[in-house]
Amino acid sequence: RIVQALGAAILVPASLALVVEAFPPDRRSHAIGLWGASAALASGLG
C-alpha cells in the first residue's frame, strides 16, 4: 500500500500539470473543473 501511495502521489500532480499545460488561460479553469469532476465520479463509482 505504501508503494501504491507513492505511485498515486506521482500520478495525480502529473495528470493535473498535463491539463494545465494543454489549455490556454481563458479555458484552463474549466478544464481543471472537468479534471476534478473525474475524481468526484471515481468517488461515486468506487
ModelCIF file with pLDDT and N, C-alpha, C, O atoms, coordinates in Angstrom:
data_MODEL
#
_entry.id   MODEL 
#
_entity.id                         1 
_entity.type                       polymer 
_entity.pdbx_number_of_molecules   1 
#
_entity_poly.entity_id                      1 
_entity_poly.type                           'polypeptide(L)' 
_entity_poly.nstd_linkage                   no 
_entity_poly.nstd_monomer                   no 
_entity_poly.pdbx_seq_one_letter_code       RIVQALGAAILVPASLALVVEAFPPDRRSHAIGLWGASAALASGLG 
_entity_poly.pdbx_seq_one_letter_code_can   RIVQALGAAILVPASLALVVEAFPPDRRSHAIGLWGASAALASGLG 
_entity_poly.pdbx_strand_id                 A 
#
loop_
_entity_poly_seq.entity_id 
_entity_poly_seq.num 
_entity_poly_seq.mon_id 
_entity_poly_seq.hetero 
1 1  ARG n 
1 2  ILE n 
1 3  VAL n 
1 4  GLN n 
1 5  ALA n 
1 6  LEU n 
1 7  GLY n 
1 8  ALA n 
1 9  ALA n 
1 10 ILE n 
1 11 LEU n 
1 12 VAL n 
1 13 PRO n 
1 14 ALA n 
1 15 SER n 
1 16 LEU n 
1 17 ALA n 
1 18 LEU n 
1 19 VAL n 
1 20 VAL n 
1 21 GLU n 
1 22 ALA n 
1 23 PHE n 
1 24 PRO n 
1 25 PRO n 
1 26 ASP n 
1 27 ARG n 
1 28 ARG n 
1 29 SER n 
1 30 HIS n 
1 31 ALA n 
1 32 ILE n 
1 33 GLY n 
1 34 LEU n 
1 35 TRP n 
1 36 GLY n 
1 37 ALA n 
1 38 SER n 
1 39 ALA n 
1 40 ALA n 
1 41 LEU n 
1 42 ALA n 
1 43 SER n 
1 44 GLY n 
1 45 LEU n 
1 46 GLY n 
#
_struct_asym.id          A 
_struct_asym.entity_id   1 
#
loop_
_ma_qa_metric.id 
_ma_qa_metric.mode 
_ma_qa_metric.name 
_ma_qa_metric.software_group_id 
_ma_qa_metric.type 
1 global pLDDT . pLDDT 
2 local  pLDDT . pLDDT 
#
_ma_qa_metric_global.metric_id      1 
_ma_qa_metric_global.metric_value   84.22 
_ma_qa_metric_global.model_id       1 
_ma_qa_metric_global.ordinal_id     1 
#
loop_
_ma_qa_metric_local.label_asym_id 
_ma_qa_metric_local.label_comp_id 
_ma_qa_metric_local.label_seq_id 
_ma_qa_metric_local.metric_id 
_ma_qa_metric_local.metric_value 
_ma_qa_metric_local.model_id 
_ma_qa_metric_local.ordinal_id 
A ARG 1  2 91.00 1 1  
A ILE 2  2 91.00 1 2  
A VAL 3  2 93.00 1 3  
A GLN 4  2 92.00 1 4  
A ALA 5  2 91.00 1 5  
A LEU 6  2 92.00 1 6  
A GLY 7  2 92.00 1 7  
A ALA 8  2 91.00 1 8  
A ALA 9  2 90.00 1 9  
A ILE 10 2 92.00 1 10 
A LEU 11 2 90.00 1 11 
A VAL 12 2 90.00 1 12 
A PRO 13 2 89.00 1 13 
A ALA 14 2 90.00 1 14 
A SER 15 2 89.00 1 15 
A LEU 16 2 89.00 1 16 
A ALA 17 2 88.00 1 17 
A LEU 18 2 89.00 1 18 
A VAL 19 2 88.00 1 19 
A VAL 20 2 87.00 1 20 
A GLU 21 2 85.00 1 21 
A ALA 22 2 83.00 1 22 
A PHE 23 2 85.00 1 23 
A PRO 24 2 84.00 1 24 
A PRO 25 2 80.00 1 25 
A ASP 26 2 77.00 1 26 
A ARG 27 2 80.00 1 27 
A ARG 28 2 81.00 1 28 
A SER 29 2 77.00 1 29 
A HIS 30 2 77.00 1 30 
A ALA 31 2 83.00 1 31 
A ILE 32 2 82.00 1 32 
A GLY 33 2 79.00 1 33 
A LEU 34 2 81.00 1 34 
A TRP 35 2 85.00 1 35 
A GLY 36 2 79.00 1 36 
A ALA 37 2 79.00 1 37 
A SER 38 2 80.00 1 38 
A ALA 39 2 77.00 1 39 
A ALA 40 2 75.00 1 40 
A LEU 41 2 78.00 1 41 
A ALA 42 2 80.00 1 42 
A SER 43 2 74.00 1 43 
A GLY 44 2 74.00 1 44 
A LEU 45 2 78.00 1 45 
A GLY 46 2 77.00 1 46 
#
loop_
_atom_site.group_PDB 
_atom_site.id 
_atom_site.type_symbol 
_atom_site.label_atom_id 
_atom_site.label_alt_id 
_atom_site.label_comp_id 
_atom_site.label_asym_id 
_atom_site.label_entity_id 
_atom_site.label_seq_id 
_atom_site.pdbx_PDB_ins_code 
_atom_site.Cartn_x 
_atom_site.Cartn_y 
_atom_site.Cartn_z 
_atom_site.occupancy 
_atom_site.B_iso_or_equiv 
_atom_site.pdbx_formal_charge 
_atom_site.auth_seq_id 
_atom_site.auth_comp_id 
_atom_site.auth_asym_id 
_atom_site.auth_atom_id 
_atom_site.pdbx_PDB_model_num 
ATOM 1   N N  . ARG A 1 1  ? 0.828   -1.205 0.000   1.00 91.00 ? 1  ARG A N  1 
ATOM 2   C CA . ARG A 1 1  ? 0.000   0.000  0.000   1.00 91.00 ? 1  ARG A CA 1 
ATOM 3   C C  . ARG A 1 1  ? 0.864   1.256  0.000   1.00 91.00 ? 1  ARG A C  1 
ATOM 4   O O  . ARG A 1 1  ? 0.486   2.272  -0.584  1.00 91.00 ? 1  ARG A O  1 
ATOM 5   N N  . ILE A 1 2  ? 2.025   1.189  0.656   1.00 91.00 ? 2  ILE A N  1 
ATOM 6   C CA . ILE A 1 2  ? 2.955   2.320  0.631   1.00 91.00 ? 2  ILE A CA 1 
ATOM 7   C C  . ILE A 1 2  ? 3.454   2.563  -0.795  1.00 91.00 ? 2  ILE A C  1 
ATOM 8   O O  . ILE A 1 2  ? 3.515   3.703  -1.256  1.00 91.00 ? 2  ILE A O  1 
ATOM 9   N N  . VAL A 1 3  ? 3.809   1.476  -1.486  1.00 93.00 ? 3  VAL A N  1 
ATOM 10  C CA . VAL A 1 3  ? 4.244   1.610  -2.882  1.00 93.00 ? 3  VAL A CA 1 
ATOM 11  C C  . VAL A 1 3  ? 3.098   2.144  -3.742  1.00 93.00 ? 3  VAL A C  1 
ATOM 12  O O  . VAL A 1 3  ? 3.317   2.969  -4.629  1.00 93.00 ? 3  VAL A O  1 
ATOM 13  N N  . GLN A 1 4  ? 1.913   1.687  -3.484  1.00 92.00 ? 4  GLN A N  1 
ATOM 14  C CA . GLN A 1 4  ? 0.748   2.153  -4.235  1.00 92.00 ? 4  GLN A CA 1 
ATOM 15  C C  . GLN A 1 4  ? 0.520   3.648  -4.011  1.00 92.00 ? 4  GLN A C  1 
ATOM 16  O O  . GLN A 1 4  ? 0.208   4.379  -4.952  1.00 92.00 ? 4  GLN A O  1 
ATOM 17  N N  . ALA A 1 5  ? 0.674   4.097  -2.772  1.00 91.00 ? 5  ALA A N  1 
ATOM 18  C CA . ALA A 1 5  ? 0.511   5.521  -2.477  1.00 91.00 ? 5  ALA A CA 1 
ATOM 19  C C  . ALA A 1 5  ? 1.584   6.358  -3.157  1.00 91.00 ? 5  ALA A C  1 
ATOM 20  O O  . ALA A 1 5  ? 1.311   7.469  -3.611  1.00 91.00 ? 5  ALA A O  1 
ATOM 21  N N  . LEU A 1 6  ? 2.802   5.832  -3.232  1.00 92.00 ? 6  LEU A N  1 
ATOM 22  C CA . LEU A 1 6  ? 3.857   6.552  -3.929  1.00 92.00 ? 6  LEU A CA 1 
ATOM 23  C C  . LEU A 1 6  ? 3.521   6.710  -5.412  1.00 92.00 ? 6  LEU A C  1 
ATOM 24  O O  . LEU A 1 6  ? 3.739   7.776  -5.987  1.00 92.00 ? 6  LEU A O  1 
ATOM 25  N N  . GLY A 1 7  ? 2.994   5.655  -6.029  1.00 92.00 ? 7  GLY A N  1 
ATOM 26  C CA . GLY A 1 7  ? 2.569   5.770  -7.421  1.00 92.00 ? 7  GLY A CA 1 
ATOM 27  C C  . GLY A 1 7  ? 1.464   6.793  -7.601  1.00 92.00 ? 7  GLY A C  1 
ATOM 28  O O  . GLY A 1 7  ? 1.476   7.554  -8.568  1.00 92.00 ? 7  GLY A O  1 
ATOM 29  N N  . ALA A 1 8  ? 0.504   6.821  -6.676  1.00 91.00 ? 8  ALA A N  1 
ATOM 30  C CA . ALA A 1 8  ? -0.576  7.808  -6.765  1.00 91.00 ? 8  ALA A CA 1 
ATOM 31  C C  . ALA A 1 8  ? -0.054  9.221  -6.574  1.00 91.00 ? 8  ALA A C  1 
ATOM 32  O O  . ALA A 1 8  ? -0.522  10.148 -7.234  1.00 91.00 ? 8  ALA A O  1 
ATOM 33  N N  . ALA A 1 9  ? 0.923   9.400  -5.667  1.00 90.00 ? 9  ALA A N  1 
ATOM 34  C CA . ALA A 1 9  ? 1.496   10.723 -5.438  1.00 90.00 ? 9  ALA A CA 1 
ATOM 35  C C  . ALA A 1 9  ? 2.255   11.229 -6.657  1.00 90.00 ? 9  ALA A C  1 
ATOM 36  O O  . ALA A 1 9  ? 2.338   12.439 -6.866  1.00 90.00 ? 9  ALA A O  1 
ATOM 37  N N  . ILE A 1 10 ? 2.805   10.339 -7.455  1.00 92.00 ? 10 ILE A N  1 
ATOM 38  C CA . ILE A 1 10 ? 3.463   10.736 -8.699  1.00 92.00 ? 10 ILE A CA 1 
ATOM 39  C C  . ILE A 1 10 ? 2.434   10.992 -9.797  1.00 92.00 ? 10 ILE A C  1 
ATOM 40  O O  . ILE A 1 10 ? 2.584   11.914 -10.599 1.00 92.00 ? 10 ILE A O  1 
ATOM 41  N N  . LEU A 1 11 ? 1.399   10.176 -9.825  1.00 90.00 ? 11 LEU A N  1 
ATOM 42  C CA . LEU A 1 11 ? 0.406   10.217 -10.895 1.00 90.00 ? 11 LEU A CA 1 
ATOM 43  C C  . LEU A 1 11 ? -0.475  11.459 -10.831 1.00 90.00 ? 11 LEU A C  1 
ATOM 44  O O  . LEU A 1 11 ? -0.681  12.119 -11.850 1.00 90.00 ? 11 LEU A O  1 
ATOM 45  N N  . VAL A 1 12 ? -0.994  11.786 -9.660  1.00 90.00 ? 12 VAL A N  1 
ATOM 46  C CA . VAL A 1 12 ? -2.012  12.833 -9.552  1.00 90.00 ? 12 VAL A CA 1 
ATOM 47  C C  . VAL A 1 12 ? -1.479  14.212 -9.959  1.00 90.00 ? 12 VAL A C  1 
ATOM 48  O O  . VAL A 1 12 ? -2.093  14.846 -10.817 1.00 90.00 ? 12 VAL A O  1 
ATOM 49  N N  . PRO A 1 13 ? -0.368  14.716 -9.389  1.00 89.00 ? 13 PRO A N  1 
ATOM 50  C CA . PRO A 1 13 ? 0.091   16.045 -9.824  1.00 89.00 ? 13 PRO A CA 1 
ATOM 51  C C  . PRO A 1 13 ? 0.540   16.085 -11.277 1.00 89.00 ? 13 PRO A C  1 
ATOM 52  O O  . PRO A 1 13 ? 0.395   17.113 -11.939 1.00 89.00 ? 13 PRO A O  1 
ATOM 53  N N  . ALA A 1 14 ? 1.089   14.971 -11.790 1.00 90.00 ? 14 ALA A N  1 
ATOM 54  C CA . ALA A 1 14 ? 1.492   14.956 -13.195 1.00 90.00 ? 14 ALA A CA 1 
ATOM 55  C C  . ALA A 1 14 ? 0.274   15.058 -14.112 1.00 90.00 ? 14 ALA A C  1 
ATOM 56  O O  . ALA A 1 14 ? 0.323   15.747 -15.131 1.00 90.00 ? 14 ALA A O  1 
ATOM 57  N N  . SER A 1 15 ? -0.805  14.385 -13.759 1.00 89.00 ? 15 SER A N  1 
ATOM 58  C CA . SER A 1 15 ? -2.014  14.455 -14.591 1.00 89.00 ? 15 SER A CA 1 
ATOM 59  C C  . SER A 1 15 ? -2.599  15.859 -14.587 1.00 89.00 ? 15 SER A C  1 
ATOM 60  O O  . SER A 1 15 ? -3.054  16.342 -15.624 1.00 89.00 ? 15 SER A O  1 
ATOM 61  N N  . LEU A 1 16 ? -2.594  16.521 -13.427 1.00 89.00 ? 16 LEU A N  1 
ATOM 62  C CA . LEU A 1 16 ? -3.107  17.892 -13.370 1.00 89.00 ? 16 LEU A CA 1 
ATOM 63  C C  . LEU A 1 16 ? -2.204  18.846 -14.143 1.00 89.00 ? 16 LEU A C  1 
ATOM 64  O O  . LEU A 1 16 ? -2.691  19.757 -14.813 1.00 89.00 ? 16 LEU A O  1 
ATOM 65  N N  . ALA A 1 17 ? -0.893  18.641 -14.054 1.00 88.00 ? 17 ALA A N  1 
ATOM 66  C CA . ALA A 1 17 ? 0.037   19.504 -14.791 1.00 88.00 ? 17 ALA A CA 1 
ATOM 67  C C  . ALA A 1 17 ? -0.143  19.350 -16.302 1.00 88.00 ? 17 ALA A C  1 
ATOM 68  O O  . ALA A 1 17 ? 0.002   20.324 -17.040 1.00 88.00 ? 17 ALA A O  1 
ATOM 69  N N  . LEU A 1 18 ? -0.452  18.160 -16.763 1.00 89.00 ? 18 LEU A N  1 
ATOM 70  C CA . LEU A 1 18 ? -0.710  17.950 -18.187 1.00 89.00 ? 18 LEU A CA 1 
ATOM 71  C C  . LEU A 1 18 ? -1.926  18.757 -18.645 1.00 89.00 ? 18 LEU A C  1 
ATOM 72  O O  . LEU A 1 18 ? -1.927  19.315 -19.742 1.00 89.00 ? 18 LEU A O  1 
ATOM 73  N N  . VAL A 1 19 ? -2.950  18.817 -17.810 1.00 88.00 ? 19 VAL A N  1 
ATOM 74  C CA . VAL A 1 19 ? -4.146  19.586 -18.157 1.00 88.00 ? 19 VAL A CA 1 
ATOM 75  C C  . VAL A 1 19 ? -3.831  21.077 -18.179 1.00 88.00 ? 19 VAL A C  1 
ATOM 76  O O  . VAL A 1 19 ? -4.246  21.782 -19.098 1.00 88.00 ? 19 VAL A O  1 
ATOM 77  N N  . VAL A 1 20 ? -3.108  21.561 -17.186 1.00 87.00 ? 20 VAL A N  1 
ATOM 78  C CA . VAL A 1 20 ? -2.762  22.982 -17.122 1.00 87.00 ? 20 VAL A CA 1 
ATOM 79  C C  . VAL A 1 20 ? -1.924  23.386 -18.333 1.00 87.00 ? 20 VAL A C  1 
ATOM 80  O O  . VAL A 1 20 ? -2.114  24.470 -18.884 1.00 87.00 ? 20 VAL A O  1 
ATOM 81  N N  . GLU A 1 21 ? -1.002  22.525 -18.746 1.00 85.00 ? 21 GLU A N  1 
ATOM 82  C CA . GLU A 1 21 ? -0.131  22.826 -19.876 1.00 85.00 ? 21 GLU A CA 1 
ATOM 83  C C  . GLU A 1 21 ? -0.897  22.827 -21.193 1.00 85.00 ? 21 GLU A C  1 
ATOM 84  O O  . GLU A 1 21 ? -0.561  23.593 -22.097 1.00 85.00 ? 21 GLU A O  1 
ATOM 85  N N  . ALA A 1 22 ? -1.913  21.991 -21.319 1.00 83.00 ? 22 ALA A N  1 
ATOM 86  C CA . ALA A 1 22 ? -2.588  21.812 -22.604 1.00 83.00 ? 22 ALA A CA 1 
ATOM 87  C C  . ALA A 1 22 ? -3.582  22.918 -22.916 1.00 83.00 ? 22 ALA A C  1 
ATOM 88  O O  . ALA A 1 22 ? -3.861  23.167 -24.089 1.00 83.00 ? 22 ALA A O  1 
ATOM 89  N N  . PHE A 1 23 ? -4.129  23.590 -21.905 1.00 85.00 ? 23 PHE A N  1 
ATOM 90  C CA . PHE A 1 23 ? -5.214  24.539 -22.131 1.00 85.00 ? 23 PHE A CA 1 
ATOM 91  C C  . PHE A 1 23 ? -4.732  25.974 -21.972 1.00 85.00 ? 23 PHE A C  1 
ATOM 92  O O  . PHE A 1 23 ? -3.886  26.244 -21.119 1.00 85.00 ? 23 PHE A O  1 
ATOM 93  N N  . PRO A 1 24 ? -5.249  26.901 -22.775 1.00 84.00 ? 24 PRO A N  1 
ATOM 94  C CA . PRO A 1 24 ? -4.914  28.325 -22.625 1.00 84.00 ? 24 PRO A CA 1 
ATOM 95  C C  . PRO A 1 24 ? -5.531  28.878 -21.347 1.00 84.00 ? 24 PRO A C  1 
ATOM 96  O O  . PRO A 1 24 ? -6.456  28.278 -20.798 1.00 84.00 ? 24 PRO A O  1 
ATOM 97  N N  . PRO A 1 25 ? -5.026  30.027 -20.863 1.00 80.00 ? 25 PRO A N  1 
ATOM 98  C CA . PRO A 1 25 ? -5.527  30.567 -19.586 1.00 80.00 ? 25 PRO A CA 1 
ATOM 99  C C  . PRO A 1 25 ? -7.025  30.801 -19.552 1.00 80.00 ? 25 PRO A C  1 
ATOM 100 O O  . PRO A 1 25 ? -7.645  30.617 -18.505 1.00 80.00 ? 25 PRO A O  1 
ATOM 101 N N  . ASP A 1 26 ? -7.634  31.204 -20.677 1.00 77.00 ? 26 ASP A N  1 
ATOM 102 C CA . ASP A 1 26 ? -9.055  31.513 -20.642 1.00 77.00 ? 26 ASP A CA 1 
ATOM 103 C C  . ASP A 1 26 ? -9.931  30.271 -20.530 1.00 77.00 ? 26 ASP A C  1 
ATOM 104 O O  . ASP A 1 26 ? -11.115 30.389 -20.210 1.00 77.00 ? 26 ASP A O  1 
ATOM 105 N N  . ARG A 1 27 ? -9.385  29.087 -20.782 1.00 80.00 ? 27 ARG A N  1 
ATOM 106 C CA . ARG A 1 27 ? -10.160 27.851 -20.682 1.00 80.00 ? 27 ARG A CA 1 
ATOM 107 C C  . ARG A 1 27 ? -9.604  26.897 -19.625 1.00 80.00 ? 27 ARG A C  1 
ATOM 108 O O  . ARG A 1 27 ? -10.114 25.790 -19.450 1.00 80.00 ? 27 ARG A O  1 
ATOM 109 N N  . ARG A 1 28 ? -8.578  27.324 -18.937 1.00 81.00 ? 28 ARG A N  1 
ATOM 110 C CA . ARG A 1 28 ? -7.881  26.426 -18.019 1.00 81.00 ? 28 ARG A CA 1 
ATOM 111 C C  . ARG A 1 28 ? -8.738  26.071 -16.807 1.00 81.00 ? 28 ARG A C  1 
ATOM 112 O O  . ARG A 1 28 ? -8.754  24.916 -16.382 1.00 81.00 ? 28 ARG A O  1 
ATOM 113 N N  . SER A 1 29 ? -9.439  27.033 -16.257 1.00 77.00 ? 29 SER A N  1 
ATOM 114 C CA . SER A 1 29 ? -10.245 26.759 -15.061 1.00 77.00 ? 29 SER A CA 1 
ATOM 115 C C  . SER A 1 29 ? -11.339 25.729 -15.357 1.00 77.00 ? 29 SER A C  1 
ATOM 116 O O  . SER A 1 29 ? -11.606 24.847 -14.542 1.00 77.00 ? 29 SER A O  1 
ATOM 117 N N  . HIS A 1 30 ? -11.959 25.849 -16.516 1.00 77.00 ? 30 HIS A N  1 
ATOM 118 C CA . HIS A 1 30 ? -12.998 24.879 -16.877 1.00 77.00 ? 30 HIS A CA 1 
ATOM 119 C C  . HIS A 1 30 ? -12.400 23.488 -17.037 1.00 77.00 ? 30 HIS A C  1 
ATOM 120 O O  . HIS A 1 30 ? -13.013 22.496 -16.642 1.00 77.00 ? 30 HIS A O  1 
ATOM 121 N N  . ALA A 1 31 ? -11.202 23.414 -17.616 1.00 83.00 ? 31 ALA A N  1 
ATOM 122 C CA . ALA A 1 31 ? -10.546 22.117 -17.781 1.00 83.00 ? 31 ALA A CA 1 
ATOM 123 C C  . ALA A 1 31 ? -10.199 21.507 -16.433 1.00 83.00 ? 31 ALA A C  1 
ATOM 124 O O  . ALA A 1 31 ? -10.368 20.304 -16.233 1.00 83.00 ? 31 ALA A O  1 
ATOM 125 N N  . ILE A 1 32 ? -9.716  22.323 -15.510 1.00 82.00 ? 32 ILE A N  1 
ATOM 126 C CA . ILE A 1 32 ? -9.397  21.816 -14.174 1.00 82.00 ? 32 ILE A CA 1 
ATOM 127 C C  . ILE A 1 32 ? -10.667 21.345 -13.477 1.00 82.00 ? 32 ILE A C  1 
ATOM 128 O O  . ILE A 1 32 ? -10.650 20.359 -12.741 1.00 82.00 ? 32 ILE A O  1 
ATOM 129 N N  . GLY A 1 33 ? -11.776 22.059 -13.713 1.00 79.00 ? 33 GLY A N  1 
ATOM 130 C CA . GLY A 1 33 ? -13.044 21.617 -13.143 1.00 79.00 ? 33 GLY A CA 1 
ATOM 131 C C  . GLY A 1 33 ? -13.462 20.249 -13.661 1.00 79.00 ? 33 GLY A C  1 
ATOM 132 O O  . GLY A 1 33 ? -13.968 19.420 -12.904 1.00 79.00 ? 33 GLY A O  1 
ATOM 133 N N  . LEU A 1 34 ? -13.250 20.015 -14.954 1.00 81.00 ? 34 LEU A N  1 
ATOM 134 C CA . LEU A 1 34 ? -13.566 18.699 -15.515 1.00 81.00 ? 34 LEU A CA 1 
ATOM 135 C C  . LEU A 1 34 ? -12.636 17.631 -14.961 1.00 81.00 ? 34 LEU A C  1 
ATOM 136 O O  . LEU A 1 34 ? -13.059 16.503 -14.708 1.00 81.00 ? 34 LEU A O  1 
ATOM 137 N N  . TRP A 1 35 ? -11.373 17.986 -14.773 1.00 85.00 ? 35 TRP A N  1 
ATOM 138 C CA . TRP A 1 35 ? -10.431 17.046 -14.146 1.00 85.00 ? 35 TRP A CA 1 
ATOM 139 C C  . TRP A 1 35 ? -10.895 16.687 -12.737 1.00 85.00 ? 35 TRP A C  1 
ATOM 140 O O  . TRP A 1 35 ? -10.853 15.522 -12.344 1.00 85.00 ? 35 TRP A O  1 
ATOM 141 N N  . GLY A 1 36 ? -11.334 17.683 -11.986 1.00 79.00 ? 36 GLY A N  1 
ATOM 142 C CA . GLY A 1 36 ? -11.869 17.410 -10.652 1.00 79.00 ? 36 GLY A CA 1 
ATOM 143 C C  . GLY A 1 36 ? -13.155 16.609 -10.691 1.00 79.00 ? 36 GLY A C  1 
ATOM 144 O O  . GLY A 1 36 ? -13.436 15.827 -9.782  1.00 79.00 ? 36 GLY A O  1 
ATOM 145 N N  . ALA A 1 37 ? -13.939 16.804 -11.748 1.00 79.00 ? 37 ALA A N  1 
ATOM 146 C CA . ALA A 1 37 ? -15.169 16.030 -11.875 1.00 79.00 ? 37 ALA A CA 1 
ATOM 147 C C  . ALA A 1 37 ? -14.874 14.547 -12.030 1.00 79.00 ? 37 ALA A C  1 
ATOM 148 O O  . ALA A 1 37 ? -15.648 13.708 -11.568 1.00 79.00 ? 37 ALA A O  1 
ATOM 149 N N  . SER A 1 38 ? -13.754 14.214 -12.680 1.00 80.00 ? 38 SER A N  1 
ATOM 150 C CA . SER A 1 38 ? -13.397 12.797 -12.812 1.00 80.00 ? 38 SER A CA 1 
ATOM 151 C C  . SER A 1 38 ? -13.091 12.183 -11.457 1.00 80.00 ? 38 SER A C  1 
ATOM 152 O O  . SER A 1 38 ? -13.421 11.023 -11.209 1.00 80.00 ? 38 SER A O  1 
ATOM 153 N N  . ALA A 1 39 ? -12.456 12.964 -10.569 1.00 77.00 ? 39 ALA A N  1 
ATOM 154 C CA . ALA A 1 39 ? -12.204 12.468 -9.212  1.00 77.00 ? 39 ALA A CA 1 
ATOM 155 C C  . ALA A 1 39 ? -13.515 12.280 -8.453  1.00 77.00 ? 39 ALA A C  1 
ATOM 156 O O  . ALA A 1 39 ? -13.684 11.302 -7.726  1.00 77.00 ? 39 ALA A O  1 
ATOM 157 N N  . ALA A 1 40 ? -14.440 13.222 -8.626  1.00 75.00 ? 40 ALA A N  1 
ATOM 158 C CA . ALA A 1 40 ? -15.747 13.068 -7.973  1.00 75.00 ? 40 ALA A CA 1 
ATOM 159 C C  . ALA A 1 40 ? -16.505 11.867 -8.524  1.00 75.00 ? 40 ALA A C  1 
ATOM 160 O O  . ALA A 1 40 ? -17.188 11.159 -7.784  1.00 75.00 ? 40 ALA A O  1 
ATOM 161 N N  . LEU A 1 41 ? -16.378 11.646 -9.832  1.00 78.00 ? 41 LEU A N  1 
ATOM 162 C CA . LEU A 1 41 ? -17.037 10.476 -10.423 1.00 78.00 ? 41 LEU A CA 1 
ATOM 163 C C  . LEU A 1 41 ? -16.443 9.182  -9.873  1.00 78.00 ? 41 LEU A C  1 
ATOM 164 O O  . LEU A 1 41 ? -17.164 8.214  -9.630  1.00 78.00 ? 41 LEU A O  1 
ATOM 165 N N  . ALA A 1 42 ? -15.127 9.171  -9.679  1.00 80.00 ? 42 ALA A N  1 
ATOM 166 C CA . ALA A 1 42 ? -14.491 7.993  -9.080  1.00 80.00 ? 42 ALA A CA 1 
ATOM 167 C C  . ALA A 1 42 ? -14.997 7.765  -7.667  1.00 80.00 ? 42 ALA A C  1 
ATOM 168 O O  . ALA A 1 42 ? -15.202 6.623  -7.255  1.00 80.00 ? 42 ALA A O  1 
ATOM 169 N N  . SER A 1 43 ? -15.200 8.850  -6.918  1.00 74.00 ? 43 SER A N  1 
ATOM 170 C CA . SER A 1 43 ? -15.737 8.718  -5.568  1.00 74.00 ? 43 SER A CA 1 
ATOM 171 C C  . SER A 1 43 ? -17.146 8.152  -5.572  1.00 74.00 ? 43 SER A C  1 
ATOM 172 O O  . SER A 1 43 ? -17.569 7.514  -4.607  1.00 74.00 ? 43 SER A O  1 
ATOM 173 N N  . GLY A 1 44 ? -17.887 8.390  -6.678  1.00 74.00 ? 44 GLY A N  1 
ATOM 174 C CA . GLY A 1 44 ? -19.231 7.851  -6.759  1.00 74.00 ? 44 GLY A CA 1 
ATOM 175 C C  . GLY A 1 44 ? -19.283 6.421  -7.246  1.00 74.00 ? 44 GLY A C  1 
ATOM 176 O O  . GLY A 1 44 ? -20.112 5.637  -6.785  1.00 74.00 ? 44 GLY A O  1 
ATOM 177 N N  . LEU A 1 45 ? -18.403 6.072  -8.179  1.00 78.00 ? 45 LEU A N  1 
ATOM 178 C CA . LEU A 1 45 ? -18.422 4.721  -8.722  1.00 78.00 ? 45 LEU A CA 1 
ATOM 179 C C  . LEU A 1 45 ? -17.634 3.733  -7.863  1.00 78.00 ? 45 LEU A C  1 
ATOM 180 O O  . LEU A 1 45 ? -17.911 2.534  -7.889  1.00 78.00 ? 45 LEU A O  1 
ATOM 181 N N  . GLY A 1 46 ? -16.653 4.226  -7.101  1.00 77.00 ? 46 GLY A N  1 
ATOM 182 C CA . GLY A 1 46 ? -15.843 3.333  -6.283  1.00 77.00 ? 46 GLY A CA 1 
ATOM 183 C C  . GLY A 1 46 ? -16.632 2.528  -5.262  1.00 77.00 ? 46 GLY A C  1 
ATOM 184 O O  . GLY A 1 46 ? -16.051 1.739  -4.516  1.00 77.00 ? 46 GLY A O  1 
#
